[in-house]
Protein backbone atom coordinates (compact mmCIF):
# COMPACT_ATOMS: atom_id res chain seq x y z
CA UNK A 1 0.06 -0.09 -0.36
CA UNK A 2 1.52 3.08 -0.64
CA UNK A 3 0.70 6.50 0.57
CA UNK A 4 0.16 9.95 -1.13
CA UNK A 5 2.01 12.62 0.22
CA UNK A 6 1.60 16.29 0.14
CA UNK A 7 3.58 18.84 1.30
CA UNK A 8 2.87 20.08 4.64
CA UNK A 9 2.84 24.31 4.63
CA UNK A 10 2.82 26.07 7.46
CA UNK A 11 2.08 29.73 7.91
CA UNK A 12 6.08 30.24 8.15
CA UNK A 13 6.73 28.64 4.55
CA UNK A 14 3.71 30.07 2.79
CA UNK A 15 5.09 31.16 -0.73
CA UNK A 16 3.59 34.42 -1.70
CA UNK A 17 0.96 32.62 -4.23
CA UNK A 18 -0.18 31.37 -1.00
CA UNK A 19 -0.66 34.32 1.03
CA UNK A 20 -2.26 36.37 -1.76
CA UNK A 21 -5.38 33.18 -1.99
CA UNK A 22 -5.44 32.82 2.08
CA UNK A 23 -6.07 36.84 1.96
CA UNK A 24 -8.50 36.50 -1.01
CA UNK A 25 -10.13 34.01 0.85
CA UNK A 26 -10.10 35.71 3.88
CA UNK A 27 -11.17 39.25 2.74
CA UNK A 28 -14.18 38.08 0.55
CA UNK A 29 -15.44 35.74 3.61
CA UNK A 30 -15.48 39.47 5.34
CA UNK A 31 -16.93 41.30 2.72
CA UNK A 32 -19.90 39.53 2.16
CA UNK A 33 -21.56 39.50 5.70
CA UNK A 34 -20.84 43.34 4.94
CA UNK A 35 -22.66 43.39 2.42
CA UNK A 36 -25.93 41.53 4.32
CA UNK A 37 -25.64 43.43 7.58
CA UNK A 38 -24.82 47.02 6.87
CA UNK A 39 -28.10 47.78 5.98
CA UNK A 40 -29.36 47.03 9.46
CA UNK A 41 -28.98 50.89 10.79
CA UNK A 42 -31.18 52.57 8.22
CA UNK A 43 -32.78 50.32 6.08
CA UNK A 44 -36.22 49.64 8.27
CA UNK A 45 -36.51 53.68 8.17
CA UNK A 46 -35.73 53.96 4.42
CA UNK A 47 -38.56 50.95 3.79
CA UNK A 48 -40.76 52.84 6.18
CA UNK A 49 -40.74 56.11 4.38
CA UNK A 50 -41.48 54.43 0.92
CA UNK A 51 -44.52 52.54 3.02
CA UNK A 52 -43.07 49.37 2.75
CA UNK A 53 -44.34 46.95 5.57
CA UNK A 54 -42.22 45.56 8.01
CA UNK A 55 -43.13 41.91 7.07
CA UNK A 56 -41.81 42.93 3.41
CA UNK A 57 -38.66 44.84 5.35
CA UNK A 58 -38.19 40.81 7.09
CA UNK A 59 -38.41 39.06 3.68
CA UNK A 60 -35.52 41.27 1.97
CA UNK A 61 -33.26 40.15 5.20
CA UNK A 62 -34.45 36.70 4.84
CA UNK A 63 -33.90 36.46 0.99
CA UNK A 64 -30.41 36.35 2.03
CA UNK A 65 -30.09 33.44 4.22
CA UNK A 66 -32.69 31.72 2.26
CA UNK A 67 -30.99 31.92 -1.30
CA UNK A 68 -28.13 30.22 0.68
CA UNK A 69 -30.07 27.31 1.55
CA UNK A 70 -31.73 26.78 -1.65
CA UNK A 71 -28.63 27.39 -3.94
CA UNK A 72 -25.83 25.44 -2.03
CA UNK A 73 -26.61 22.01 -2.82
CA UNK A 74 -26.87 23.17 -6.67
CA UNK A 75 -23.50 25.30 -6.27
CA UNK A 76 -22.19 22.00 -5.10
CA UNK A 77 -23.27 20.44 -8.44
CA UNK A 78 -22.24 23.11 -10.47
CA UNK A 79 -18.56 22.69 -9.12
CA UNK A 80 -18.14 19.32 -11.10
CA UNK A 81 -19.23 21.29 -14.15
CA UNK A 82 -17.37 24.89 -14.00
CA UNK A 83 -14.48 23.96 -11.28
CA UNK A 84 -14.16 25.85 -8.35
CA UNK A 85 -12.00 28.85 -9.91
CA UNK A 86 -15.08 30.38 -12.16
CA UNK A 87 -17.37 29.33 -9.90
CA UNK A 88 -15.41 31.47 -7.08
CA UNK A 89 -14.94 34.74 -9.37
CA UNK A 90 -18.65 34.23 -10.93
CA UNK A 91 -19.64 34.69 -7.50
CA UNK A 92 -17.61 37.70 -6.74
CA UNK A 93 -18.72 39.17 -10.23
CA UNK A 94 -22.52 38.20 -8.85
CA UNK A 95 -21.75 40.14 -5.17
CA UNK A 96 -20.63 43.26 -7.16
CA UNK A 97 -23.09 43.83 -9.34
CA UNK A 98 -26.07 43.36 -6.96
CA UNK A 99 -24.07 45.80 -4.22
CA UNK A 100 -23.67 48.19 -7.31
CA UNK A 101 -26.56 48.45 -8.06
CA UNK A 102 -28.61 48.35 -4.98
CA UNK A 103 -26.90 51.79 -4.47
CA UNK A 104 -29.77 53.02 -6.76
CA UNK A 105 -33.29 51.71 -5.10
CA UNK A 106 -33.58 54.93 -3.22
CA UNK A 107 -34.07 56.49 -6.27
CA UNK A 108 -37.32 53.93 -6.88
CA UNK A 109 -40.88 55.94 -5.33
CA UNK A 110 -43.21 53.04 -6.02
CA UNK A 111 -43.31 50.92 -2.92
CA UNK A 112 -44.05 47.68 -4.62
CA UNK A 113 -41.61 48.35 -7.24
CA UNK A 114 -38.95 49.27 -4.25
CA UNK A 115 -39.79 45.81 -2.73
CA UNK A 116 -39.58 43.82 -5.61
CA UNK A 117 -35.95 45.33 -6.98
CA UNK A 118 -34.58 44.61 -3.41
CA UNK A 119 -35.72 41.32 -2.97
CA UNK A 120 -34.08 40.35 -6.27
CA UNK A 121 -30.62 42.38 -6.00
CA UNK A 122 -30.61 41.17 -2.30
CA UNK A 123 -31.18 37.64 -4.08
CA UNK A 124 -28.18 38.49 -6.55
CA UNK A 125 -25.95 39.26 -3.66
CA UNK A 126 -26.83 35.91 -1.92
CA UNK A 127 -26.01 33.74 -5.37
CA UNK A 128 -22.26 35.77 -5.43
CA UNK A 129 -22.06 34.54 -1.42
CA UNK A 130 -23.39 30.88 -1.83
CA UNK A 131 -21.02 30.41 -4.29
CA UNK A 132 -17.86 32.21 -2.90
CA UNK A 133 -18.62 30.71 0.55
CA UNK A 134 -19.05 27.20 -0.77
CA UNK A 135 -15.42 27.53 -2.86
CA UNK A 136 -14.05 28.54 0.29
CA UNK A 137 -14.26 24.68 2.02
CA UNK A 138 -13.32 23.40 -1.08
CA UNK A 139 -10.33 25.49 -2.29
CA UNK A 140 -9.49 25.14 1.53
CA UNK A 141 -9.56 21.17 1.47
CA UNK A 142 -7.56 21.43 -1.54
CA UNK A 143 -4.83 23.52 -0.82
CA UNK A 144 -4.62 23.73 3.12
CA UNK A 145 -5.37 19.87 3.50
CA UNK A 146 -3.12 19.22 6.49
CA UNK A 147 -4.27 22.62 8.00
CA UNK A 148 -7.50 22.63 7.12
CA UNK A 149 -9.21 23.17 10.28
CA UNK A 150 -6.80 26.24 11.05
CA UNK A 151 -7.19 27.84 7.99
CA UNK A 152 -11.01 27.16 7.66
CA UNK A 153 -10.97 29.10 11.27
CA UNK A 154 -9.14 32.09 9.86
CA UNK A 155 -11.63 32.30 7.65
CA UNK A 156 -14.53 32.17 9.49
CA UNK A 157 -12.66 34.74 12.45
CA UNK A 158 -13.39 37.01 8.99
CA UNK A 159 -16.84 35.94 8.35
CA UNK A 160 -17.46 36.93 11.97
CA UNK A 161 -15.30 39.93 12.18
CA UNK A 162 -17.31 40.89 8.99
CA UNK A 163 -20.60 40.36 10.51
CA UNK A 164 -19.95 42.30 13.98
CA UNK A 165 -18.50 45.50 11.97
CA UNK A 166 -20.89 45.61 8.92
CA UNK A 167 -23.64 47.59 11.16
CA UNK A 168 -20.96 49.95 12.10
CA UNK A 169 -19.56 50.52 8.58
CA UNK A 170 -22.92 50.62 7.33
CA UNK A 171 -24.25 53.00 9.38
CA UNK A 172 -20.75 55.13 9.70
CA UNK A 173 -20.89 55.33 5.92
CA UNK A 174 -24.42 55.92 5.61
CA UNK A 175 -24.18 58.97 7.88
CA UNK A 176 -21.43 60.69 6.44
CA UNK A 177 -21.47 59.38 2.49
CA UNK A 178 -24.88 58.46 1.73
CA UNK A 179 -26.99 55.60 0.51
CA UNK A 180 -25.30 56.04 -3.00
CA UNK A 181 -21.65 56.04 -1.81
CA UNK A 182 -22.28 52.93 0.71
CA UNK A 183 -22.65 50.58 -1.91
CA UNK A 184 -20.49 52.02 -4.38
CA UNK A 185 -17.62 51.63 -2.18
CA UNK A 186 -18.59 47.88 -1.24
CA UNK A 187 -19.40 46.76 -4.89
CA UNK A 188 -15.67 48.39 -5.68
CA UNK A 189 -14.00 46.55 -2.92
CA UNK A 190 -15.99 43.07 -4.32
CA UNK A 191 -14.92 43.97 -7.85
CA UNK A 192 -11.34 44.35 -6.86
CA UNK A 193 -11.55 40.97 -4.79
CA UNK A 194 -13.04 39.69 -7.84
CA UNK A 195 -9.98 40.56 -10.24
CA UNK A 196 -7.05 39.64 -7.54
CA UNK A 197 -8.90 35.88 -7.75
CA UNK A 198 -9.12 35.86 -11.17
CA UNK A 199 -5.25 36.02 -11.55
CA UNK A 200 -4.22 34.07 -8.44
CA UNK A 201 -6.85 31.14 -7.65
CA UNK A 202 -5.79 29.30 -10.50
CA UNK A 203 -6.24 25.62 -9.38
CA UNK A 204 -6.71 22.52 -11.76
CA UNK A 205 -9.78 20.79 -10.29
CA UNK A 206 -8.71 17.63 -12.34
CA UNK A 207 -4.73 17.85 -11.64
CA UNK A 208 -5.77 17.66 -7.70
CA UNK A 209 -8.32 14.57 -8.07
CA UNK A 210 -5.67 12.91 -10.15
CA UNK A 211 -3.14 13.65 -7.73
CA UNK A 212 -5.09 12.47 -4.62
CA UNK A 213 -6.88 9.59 -6.18
CA UNK A 214 -3.82 8.09 -7.32
CA UNK A 215 -3.38 5.55 -4.86
CA UNK A 216 -4.48 2.42 -4.40
CA UNK A 217 -5.45 2.72 -0.48
CA UNK A 218 -8.81 4.06 -2.23
CA UNK A 219 -11.25 2.91 -3.97
CA UNK A 220 -12.80 3.29 -7.17
CA UNK A 221 -16.43 5.00 -7.04
CA UNK A 222 -18.95 5.59 -10.22
CA UNK A 223 -19.18 9.88 -10.00
CA UNK A 224 -22.79 9.91 -10.80
CA UNK A 225 -23.57 7.84 -7.63
CA UNK A 226 -21.49 9.86 -5.38
CA UNK A 227 -23.97 11.91 -3.79
CA UNK A 228 -26.41 9.05 -3.32
CA UNK A 229 -23.56 7.15 -1.25
CA UNK A 230 -22.53 10.01 0.92
CA UNK A 231 -26.38 11.32 1.66
CA UNK A 232 -26.29 7.56 3.33
CA UNK A 233 -23.98 8.24 5.85
CA UNK A 234 -25.60 8.64 9.01
CA UNK A 235 -22.74 10.32 10.34
CA UNK A 236 -22.61 13.30 7.99
CA UNK A 237 -25.99 13.69 8.88
CA UNK A 238 -25.35 13.91 12.12
CA UNK A 239 -22.94 16.88 11.51
CA UNK A 240 -25.30 18.42 9.29
CA UNK A 241 -27.43 18.42 12.07
CA UNK A 242 -25.02 20.15 14.40
CA UNK A 243 -24.25 22.84 11.92
CA UNK A 244 -28.35 23.51 11.28
CA UNK A 245 -28.54 23.61 15.06
CA UNK A 246 -25.69 26.38 15.08
CA UNK A 247 -27.57 28.48 12.50
CA UNK A 248 -31.04 28.39 14.34
CA UNK A 249 -29.00 29.24 17.83
CA UNK A 250 -26.87 32.15 16.23
CA UNK A 251 -29.95 33.59 14.25
CA UNK A 252 -31.94 33.40 17.24
CA UNK A 253 -29.54 35.32 19.55
CA UNK A 254 -28.91 37.85 16.97
CA UNK A 255 -32.73 38.51 16.43
CA UNK A 256 -33.55 38.26 20.27
CA UNK A 257 -30.78 39.70 22.14
CA UNK A 258 -32.89 43.18 21.61
CA UNK A 259 -35.53 41.77 23.57
CA UNK A 260 -33.14 40.06 26.38
CA UNK A 261 -31.26 43.70 26.78
CA UNK A 262 -34.53 45.30 27.76
CA UNK A 263 -34.72 43.28 31.42
CA UNK A 264 -31.49 45.63 32.40
CA UNK A 265 -32.71 48.89 30.31
CA UNK A 266 -29.87 49.18 27.88
CA UNK A 267 -29.95 51.58 25.26
CA UNK A 268 -29.49 51.17 21.73
CA UNK A 269 -25.68 51.48 22.10
CA UNK A 270 -25.31 48.74 24.56
CA UNK A 271 -27.37 46.52 22.67
CA UNK A 272 -25.31 47.50 19.88
CA UNK A 273 -22.10 46.51 21.94
CA UNK A 274 -24.14 42.75 23.13
CA UNK A 275 -24.41 41.89 19.24
CA UNK A 276 -20.72 43.03 19.06
CA UNK A 277 -19.42 40.67 21.87
CA UNK A 278 -21.90 37.77 20.86
CA UNK A 279 -20.06 37.73 17.25
CA UNK A 280 -16.70 39.05 18.57
CA UNK A 281 -16.28 35.70 20.72
CA UNK A 282 -17.06 33.79 17.64
CA UNK A 283 -14.10 35.43 15.60
CA UNK A 284 -11.52 35.34 18.31
CA UNK A 285 -11.91 31.90 18.96
CA UNK A 286 -13.00 30.29 15.50
CA UNK A 287 -8.99 30.67 14.59
CA UNK A 288 -8.32 29.36 18.08
CA UNK A 289 -10.43 26.40 17.62
CA UNK A 290 -8.73 25.66 13.96
CA UNK A 291 -5.27 25.51 15.77
CA UNK A 292 -6.66 23.04 18.30
CA UNK A 293 -8.36 20.69 15.95
CA UNK A 294 -5.29 20.68 13.54
CA UNK A 295 -2.99 19.78 16.48
CA UNK A 296 -5.23 17.21 18.62
CA UNK A 297 -7.61 14.79 17.54
CA UNK A 298 -10.67 15.87 20.21
CA UNK A 299 -13.30 16.96 17.17
CA UNK A 300 -15.78 14.65 19.20
CA UNK A 301 -14.99 16.21 22.47
CA UNK A 302 -15.50 19.81 21.28
CA UNK A 303 -18.37 18.99 19.33
CA UNK A 304 -20.44 17.26 22.60
CA UNK A 305 -18.87 20.19 24.95
CA UNK A 306 -20.16 22.91 22.88
CA UNK A 307 -23.71 21.30 23.24
CA UNK A 308 -23.33 21.31 26.98
CA UNK A 309 -22.10 24.82 26.99
CA UNK A 310 -25.26 25.87 24.38
CA UNK A 311 -27.45 23.79 27.06
CA UNK A 312 -25.94 25.98 30.42
CA UNK A 313 -26.01 28.99 28.68
CA UNK A 314 -29.75 29.21 27.43
CA UNK A 315 -30.59 28.12 30.90
CA UNK A 316 -28.91 31.08 32.61
CA UNK A 317 -29.85 33.87 30.54
CA UNK A 318 -32.86 33.66 32.04
CA UNK A 319 -34.44 33.90 35.98
CA UNK A 320 -34.83 30.52 37.29
CA UNK A 321 -37.59 30.95 39.92
CA UNK A 322 -36.43 27.53 42.03
CA UNK A 323 -32.83 28.55 42.44
CA UNK A 324 -33.93 31.65 43.16
CA UNK A 325 -31.38 33.61 40.11
CA UNK A 326 -31.77 36.20 38.15
CA UNK A 327 -29.34 37.39 35.36
CA UNK A 328 -27.19 40.38 35.74
CA UNK A 329 -25.42 42.41 33.09
CA UNK A 330 -22.02 41.05 33.87
CA UNK A 331 -24.03 37.21 33.85
CA UNK A 332 -25.83 38.00 30.56
CA UNK A 333 -22.32 39.55 29.06
CA UNK A 334 -20.32 36.00 29.78
CA UNK A 335 -23.07 33.89 28.73
CA UNK A 336 -22.42 35.63 25.26
CA UNK A 337 -19.08 35.21 25.22
CA UNK A 338 -19.32 31.52 26.23
CA UNK A 339 -22.51 30.94 23.21
CA UNK A 340 -19.95 32.87 20.88
CA UNK A 341 -17.26 30.19 22.12
CA UNK A 342 -19.47 27.06 22.01
CA UNK A 343 -20.33 28.48 18.23
CA UNK A 344 -17.22 28.25 17.24
CA UNK A 345 -15.66 25.14 18.90
CA UNK A 346 -19.03 23.00 17.08
CA UNK A 347 -18.65 24.78 13.83
CA UNK A 348 -15.11 25.09 13.12
CA UNK A 349 -14.38 21.36 13.22
CA UNK A 350 -17.46 19.85 11.47
CA UNK A 351 -16.17 20.06 7.93
CA UNK A 352 -12.72 18.92 8.74
CA UNK A 353 -14.61 15.85 10.84
CA UNK A 354 -17.18 15.15 7.89
CA UNK A 355 -13.69 15.17 5.05
CA UNK A 356 -12.14 12.82 7.76
CA UNK A 357 -14.95 10.31 7.99
CA UNK A 358 -15.37 10.13 3.84
CA UNK A 359 -11.58 9.53 3.57
CA UNK A 360 -10.42 7.66 6.79
CA UNK A 361 -13.72 6.12 7.63
CA UNK A 362 -15.72 5.20 4.98
CA UNK A 363 -12.25 5.15 2.46
CA UNK A 364 -13.62 7.27 -0.15
CA UNK A 365 -11.90 9.07 -2.67
CA UNK A 366 -10.87 12.28 -1.58
CA UNK A 367 -11.28 14.19 -4.76
CA UNK A 368 -13.01 17.04 -5.83
CA UNK A 369 -16.85 15.70 -5.44
CA UNK A 370 -16.68 14.65 -2.49
CA UNK A 371 -15.61 18.19 -1.17
CA UNK A 372 -17.73 19.93 -2.92
CA UNK A 373 -20.74 17.79 -2.26
CA UNK A 374 -19.90 18.09 1.95
CA UNK A 375 -19.12 21.65 1.41
CA UNK A 376 -22.58 21.86 -0.18
CA UNK A 377 -24.37 20.09 2.53
CA UNK A 378 -22.32 22.15 5.62
CA UNK A 379 -23.42 25.50 3.79
CA UNK A 380 -26.84 24.34 2.81
CA UNK A 381 -27.80 23.33 6.69
CA UNK A 382 -26.13 26.60 8.04
CA UNK A 383 -27.99 29.06 5.81
CA UNK A 384 -31.29 26.67 6.57
CA UNK A 385 -30.59 27.16 10.12
CA UNK A 386 -30.31 30.63 9.93
CA UNK A 387 -33.54 31.24 7.90
CA UNK A 388 -35.49 29.27 10.53
CA UNK A 389 -34.29 30.83 13.66
CA UNK A 390 -35.78 34.07 13.94
CA UNK A 391 -38.88 32.71 12.42
CA UNK A 392 -39.08 29.99 14.90
CA UNK A 393 -37.87 32.61 18.09
CA UNK A 394 -40.20 34.67 17.14
CA UNK A 395 -43.27 32.24 17.34
CA UNK A 396 -42.02 31.03 20.34
CA UNK A 397 -41.19 34.35 22.34
CA UNK A 398 -44.78 35.74 20.90
CA UNK A 399 -46.45 32.69 22.37
CA UNK A 400 -44.34 31.81 25.18
CA UNK A 401 -42.47 35.21 26.01
CA UNK A 402 -38.74 35.13 26.13
CA UNK A 403 -37.63 33.58 29.30
CA UNK A 404 -39.54 30.81 28.24
CA UNK A 405 -38.45 30.42 25.18
CA UNK A 406 -34.78 30.42 26.23
CA UNK A 407 -36.00 27.20 28.38
CA UNK A 408 -37.10 25.69 25.45
CA UNK A 409 -33.84 26.33 23.50
CA UNK A 410 -31.93 24.93 26.37
CA UNK A 411 -34.16 21.90 26.15
CA UNK A 412 -33.42 21.03 22.36
CA UNK A 413 -29.56 21.46 23.33
CA UNK A 414 -29.94 18.93 25.56
CA UNK A 415 -31.83 16.49 23.54
CA UNK A 416 -29.80 17.36 20.63
CA UNK A 417 -26.54 16.20 22.70
CA UNK A 418 -28.01 13.30 23.54
CA UNK A 419 -28.70 12.66 20.24
CA UNK A 420 -25.31 13.22 18.71
CA UNK A 421 -24.22 10.59 21.54
CA UNK A 422 -26.27 8.18 21.10
CA UNK A 423 -26.05 8.37 16.98
CA UNK A 424 -22.72 9.09 16.48
CA UNK A 425 -20.22 8.73 19.09
CA UNK A 426 -21.38 5.92 20.90
CA UNK A 427 -21.26 3.84 18.09
CA UNK A 428 -17.79 5.12 17.46
CA UNK A 429 -16.69 4.16 21.22
CA UNK A 430 -18.69 0.43 20.69
CA UNK A 431 -15.94 -0.16 17.80
CA UNK A 432 -13.10 1.24 19.74
CA UNK A 433 -13.43 -1.25 22.52
CA UNK A 434 -14.57 -4.20 20.09
CA UNK A 435 -10.91 -3.41 18.25
CA UNK A 436 -9.10 -3.42 21.19
CA UNK A 437 -10.13 -6.14 22.58
CA UNK A 438 -9.30 -7.96 19.79
């Protein structure tokens, strides 16, 4: 049996081209959450002046994540036709065009036309974002194989940073430069990143596949049936559910922190700070989680530990009459920090664990097709969870109030942890015991 060899590259050994590609991935993943969140501080007021209902505004916000959920599996298929380089470049072009054209919507007087045009442009931005985001996973898995989680952690830190500073940048540019220049600036930056990606992201998908699969260690698979084979793997779906769960809880926190802060009489500035604490914690801990996962084989422990932390945090963010406990401002901040940490230690390792299951446990060929399918499943599940989170949360809050909703999410987290342990971790423990006894 002959092992394939791929040169391990640490940050210190990166060539200039590696640094440029790494920078493109970081900057692009900082940019698209900024284009999504930059309208939060002012768009409601603009829509209200044009007699657009709050429901329609919510749809304009939600179409971004809903579009990602619908398109991720489709784009995963398109990888096989066009390759990762073309998909990434097309994504940057669509993101640039959607953002640049969005600068003109303020000139539309008719409220129905305003809603339709905004919806179409946000959907175009969503297509571009989904192409870039999904391709990022594939590029990382191909070119940073032995440091996959470290690079992914850095990229996720960039995405978290973009999401955190997006409203601040949007509010600042809107206040001092106006609606038009805000989107012109973001669109131009996106165009520049797209031009750099055209020249420096030039990996050959077929060459990558031949390099990886040119070893007798792997079996030969029919590409047309690869989707079905991967979809039948229970462990992959356990990880997909984990990512889906994180999408729900993260987006629920984003949409409900304002309600939670009312018990402390926070002003709008402090509420914004709470949002930055949650997003900032994820941004800070994502690269750390990636480095830890690349050095130590503790992915299963991190995911279980993340579930435990989420269960505890949701429980402690609400008053507990039996324990005579009421959260104060400091404990609320600590809960948000721990929540951001738990999301990072669960989300960042999930993609690598899925690749490990395919490559090492199921003996799948580690090729472009397998990587693109997994990235599509991960991105789609998180986007779907992000789309459902505010909806489910608002329904629960409307019916059961905020504190009881937190208790419901705590119970859901506990049940999810038990299911993950029973269906994912317990069979592995059993196989390890059987193997050692033999």
